[in-house]
Every structure is written in C-alpha cells, then in structure tokens.
C-alpha cells in the first residue's frame, strides 16, 4: 500500500513531483528516437515548427502515459526500493490530482499534434498511449512474465510517430526502426529485472526472473539480443543507411552480445546492471548513428 504523507506541499512542489511521475529520463529517449524518425523522413532538416510541435506533443503524451502508469502501480511501487520515492507511492499526490494533470498534459499533447502536425500522428500517439497505459500497465504487466515482450510494442512506436509527423504516412523504413526497439526492449528490461528480482518478487509482479529463474531469463535475453543484432542491419539492407551506420552498429552489437554471453555463462547482479546500462547506451548510439550517417 502507498505510504500516506503528512508533508505539506506547495503547488510548485506538487508540479515538481508530478514531473518526476512523467519519467523524464525515459521520456528523453522516447523523444530522441522520435526526432531521429523525423530527421530520417525528411530530405534535409525537418520544418522547424512541425519538428518542435511533434516533439513537444509526443513528449507530453508520453509523460501523461508514464504518470498513469505510476498511478495504477502506486501500491506496487511502494514495495520496491527503486520506485517507493514516487509521489503516488508515498501518497503525496492523490489519484485525482494525478489523473487530472495527466489528462490535461495528454490532451494538450494530442491537441498540438492534430493542430500543428497531422491527424495520423495524433491517432498513432493516442494508440501508443492506450497501449502503454492500459494494455501493458493494467492488463499485461500483472498477468504474464511475457508482459514486456507484448507491451514493448508501445515503447517501439516513437520513430514511427516521428516519421508520420513529417510524411503523413507509415512505410517500411520506420517499421524497421520499430522492430529494432521492439527486439531491444526485452533484453533491456529483463537485465534490470534480473538484478532487481527480489524487489519484483516482493511486489507480486510475475517478472520472468521471478517466475522462471535467472538461467531461463538469460537464455531469453540472448535470443532477443541475437534477433536484435540481425534487425540492426536491416537499414543497411534497405539502403536507408550506409557504411558509417554499419561500422558503428557492428561495434555496438559486438559489445552487447559479449555482455549477454558473459551473463549466460557466469551470471552476477553486477554484470546484469552493466548489461542494462549498456543497453541504454546501445539504443542511443544506434539512433545517433542513423542520424550521423544521414548527415554525412
């Protein structure tokens, strides 16, 4: 259960706490991959007004979805060291306040997208919100250890949203980027779940390391990392990227596979934490390489 707080909060403090519920670090990577999608969809740099409107709109809706996630999971968050400081877990922001602010934030984001970008981007972003806040958070996460595999589709949408924002359509190029993030999500999240497995066991969520053990989870991480490696070369095959991207992504893949193979051979929580940290670096540099290759 959430811990009721007796700390009096000013409006500024409430807004600051709500901002943290929007998961700004995660949101930064979401918006970054959407921005790369926009840059890849445009022959030159995208029109600045549309680029900014799409970036802000996507960020606002993603933040609203994250806040809803924190609201739904507030009792679970209160049992975990990683999340127990969240304002919803501590009872410092009520459910009504969180829902109201999330609705206003998400509504503003959708308005920006439909007014200054296009309807397709708005509807795809709304579908992404529903996929994360409802299908993943409410239905899948407490029901199956494969929650992150299916729910990862929502997290893989940002480059598709960025592409649609510029072109008004969806084609094979953004779907390739979707596939890369979709396959990246399970090894990224399962590495975290491995070294946080005691907390997840306490929370009652059926995460794979809790339900099937570390050895099975590491094998799953390896399978998805191999698939991710194969998918990471598709942009080269489609000729949407060239040798600069190829060289960078090959080095990134070698590093990721090396860590995961070590994890399978001789697991340790420290190595799982390194793998989790590397996975964030991997995705950031992969998308940066896509942009760099396009600019050269």
Foldseek 3Di string as FASTA:
>chain_A
DAAADPDDDDPVRVVVLLQVLLVVVLLVLLLLLLLLLQCLLDLHRFDPQLSVLLSQLLSLLSSLLSLLLCQLCLCLLCLAPVRVPRCNRNNVADSVRSNVSSCVSNVVSLCSCVPRFHNVLSVLSVVLSCLRNPVLRPPQFQPDQCSCLVSQLSSLCSSQSSNCRRPVDGDPVSVLSSLLSSLLRLLLVLLVCQLRVVSCVRSNTPHCCVPPNQLVSLVSSLVSLVVSLVSLCVCVVVVSFHDQLVVVLVVLSVVLNVLSVCCNVPNDNVSSVVNNVSSVVNSSVSSVSSSVRSVD
